[in-house]
Protein backbone atom coordinates (compact mmCIF):
# COMPACT_ATOMS: atom_id res chain seq x y z
CA MET A 1 46.32 12.65 101.91
CA PRO A 2 49.31 12.40 104.27
CA ALA A 3 51.75 12.61 101.36
CA ILE A 4 50.00 15.70 99.99
CA VAL A 5 49.96 17.37 103.41
CA GLU A 6 53.66 16.63 103.86
CA ALA A 7 54.74 17.77 100.37
CA TYR A 8 52.45 20.75 99.83
CA VAL A 9 50.54 21.91 102.90
CA LYS A 10 53.32 21.90 105.50
CA PRO A 11 55.77 23.85 103.29
CA GLY A 12 53.03 26.41 102.55
CA LYS A 13 52.56 25.63 98.86
CA LEU A 14 48.93 24.59 99.28
CA LEU A 15 46.00 25.42 101.52
CA LEU A 16 43.70 22.57 102.40
CA ALA A 17 40.01 23.03 103.13
CA PHE A 18 37.57 20.22 103.86
CA ARG A 19 33.81 20.42 103.42
CA HIS A 20 31.26 17.79 104.29
CA ASN A 21 28.74 16.46 101.81
CA PRO A 22 26.76 13.77 103.62
CA TRP A 23 24.37 11.94 101.32
CA GLU A 24 21.76 11.01 103.86
CA ALA A 25 19.44 9.47 101.27
CA ARG A 26 22.12 6.98 100.22
CA HIS A 27 23.86 6.60 103.56
CA PRO A 28 21.65 6.99 106.65
CA ARG A 29 24.68 7.35 108.99
CA ALA A 30 26.48 9.93 106.85
CA LEU A 31 25.36 12.94 108.88
CA ALA A 32 26.08 11.30 112.24
CA SER A 33 29.53 10.29 110.99
CA ALA A 34 30.26 13.80 109.73
CA VAL A 35 29.16 15.24 113.09
CA ALA A 36 31.50 12.82 114.89
CA ALA A 37 34.41 13.83 112.66
CA GLU A 38 33.68 17.52 113.16
CA CYS A 39 33.44 17.07 116.95
CA ALA A 40 36.76 15.22 117.00
CA GLY A 41 38.10 18.07 114.88
CA GLN A 42 37.26 20.54 117.62
CA GLN A 43 39.92 18.70 119.60
CA GLY A 44 42.42 18.65 116.74
CA LEU A 45 41.61 15.06 115.77
CA PHE A 46 39.50 15.47 112.63
CA TRP A 47 41.73 13.43 110.32
CA ALA A 48 42.25 10.71 112.90
CA MET A 49 38.47 10.36 113.25
CA HIS A 50 37.98 10.60 109.48
CA ASP A 51 40.43 7.75 109.01
CA ALA A 52 38.83 5.68 111.79
CA LEU A 53 35.38 6.08 110.21
CA PHE A 54 36.59 5.00 106.79
CA ALA A 55 38.61 2.12 108.24
CA ASP A 56 35.44 0.48 109.60
CA PRO A 57 32.46 1.84 107.64
CA ARG A 58 30.13 -0.84 109.01
CA SER A 59 30.53 0.43 112.58
CA LEU A 60 28.90 3.83 112.41
CA ASP A 61 26.14 3.45 114.98
CA ASP A 62 26.20 5.92 117.88
CA VAL A 63 28.01 3.56 120.27
CA SER A 64 30.68 2.76 117.68
CA LEU A 65 31.22 6.46 116.90
CA VAL A 66 31.87 7.18 120.57
CA ARG A 67 34.12 4.11 120.83
CA SER A 68 36.13 5.24 117.78
CA ALA A 69 36.46 8.72 119.26
CA ALA A 70 37.76 7.29 122.54
CA ARG A 71 40.28 5.14 120.64
CA ILE A 72 41.80 8.18 118.95
CA GLY A 73 42.03 10.07 122.24
CA VAL A 74 39.23 12.64 122.32
CA ASP A 75 38.02 14.05 125.61
CA LYS A 76 34.81 12.05 125.98
CA SER A 77 32.72 14.68 127.82
CA GLN A 78 33.69 17.43 125.38
CA PHE A 79 32.94 15.07 122.47
CA GLN A 80 29.49 14.20 123.90
CA ARG A 81 28.64 17.89 124.39
CA CYS A 82 29.59 18.56 120.79
CA LEU A 83 27.49 15.65 119.51
CA ASN A 84 24.49 17.25 121.19
CA SER A 85 25.21 20.71 119.75
CA GLU A 86 24.25 22.31 116.44
CA VAL A 87 27.25 21.00 114.50
CA SER A 88 24.89 19.31 112.05
CA THR A 89 23.73 22.76 110.88
CA LYS A 90 27.27 23.61 109.69
CA ILE A 91 27.55 20.24 107.99
CA ARG A 92 24.24 20.69 106.18
CA GLN A 93 25.43 24.13 105.01
CA ASP A 94 28.48 22.41 103.50
CA GLY A 95 26.07 20.10 101.64
CA ILE A 96 24.14 23.10 100.30
CA LEU A 97 27.41 24.63 99.09
CA ALA A 98 28.25 21.36 97.33
CA LYS A 99 24.93 21.48 95.47
CA THR A 100 25.58 25.10 94.52
CA LEU A 101 28.96 24.05 93.09
CA ARG A 102 27.26 21.13 91.26
CA ILE A 103 29.25 18.56 93.20
CA GLY A 104 27.39 15.31 92.81
CA GLY A 105 29.66 12.76 94.42
CA THR A 106 32.19 12.11 97.08
CA PRO A 107 35.02 12.41 97.27
CA THR A 108 35.38 15.49 95.10
CA VAL A 109 38.52 17.60 95.14
CA LEU A 110 38.64 21.13 93.81
CA ILE A 111 42.09 22.53 93.11
CA GLY A 112 42.53 26.19 92.39
CA ARG A 113 44.28 29.38 93.31
CA VAL A 114 43.47 32.42 95.40
CA VAL A 115 42.53 35.44 93.29
CA ALA A 116 41.19 38.93 94.02
CA ASP A 117 39.18 39.43 97.21
CA GLN A 118 40.46 36.11 98.58
CA LYS A 119 38.16 34.16 96.27
CA ILE A 120 39.20 30.82 94.84
CA GLN A 121 39.40 30.22 91.12
CA VAL A 122 38.81 26.51 90.61
CA MET A 123 41.15 25.15 87.98
CA ARG A 124 40.61 21.39 88.39
CA HIS A 125 37.62 19.37 89.53
CA ILE A 126 38.49 15.76 90.39
CA SER A 127 35.72 13.32 91.27
CA GLY A 128 36.21 9.93 92.84
CA ALA A 129 39.00 8.20 94.67
CA ARG A 130 42.29 8.44 92.78
CA PRO A 131 45.90 7.47 93.47
CA ALA A 132 48.07 10.10 95.15
CA GLN A 133 50.14 10.73 91.99
CA TYR A 134 46.98 11.81 90.16
CA PHE A 135 46.52 14.64 92.67
CA THR A 136 50.19 15.57 92.88
CA GLY A 137 50.34 15.82 89.08
CA ALA A 138 47.35 18.16 89.04
CA ILE A 139 48.73 20.22 91.93
CA ASP A 140 52.17 20.51 90.32
CA GLN A 141 50.60 21.61 87.05
CA ILE A 142 48.53 24.31 88.75
CA LEU A 143 51.46 25.50 90.86
CA GLY A 144 53.50 25.78 87.65
CA GLU A 145 50.74 27.75 85.93
CA THR A 146 50.39 30.01 88.96
CA LYS A 147 54.14 30.76 88.95
CA GLU A 148 53.97 31.56 85.22
CA ALA A 149 50.97 33.86 85.75
CA LYS A 150 52.88 35.83 88.43
CA ARG A 151 55.84 36.53 86.12
């Protein structure tokens, strides 16, 4: 992800959107983990929390989530208030959207382009963890097709 952000997002070639899809039936701490990431995100630390959660997936109990948040530098009182808010509602809505889009697994990456009315036309659907060059190849191909379509 950092390489893609550096090469495509920062120069304005690509927009990046993240949606949650916690599979609570398969992973009982998925929702709590997503809430923690979203709450860290309210302080500009989403990706740092995301990375911390994936670095130690066995430590996702409530105490460990707060400890991970403190390690990455969140404001603890603001983080606690967020944990007790309705953030889970937004996350569950993301899960509903995933079902609507027939996304059955995580991670899933959709790559597309903005079309009329600011809608997204999905051009590639990539499921599962892949090496960075797999994504950059797909992105480069779509960017090339988009440039051709504009001519």
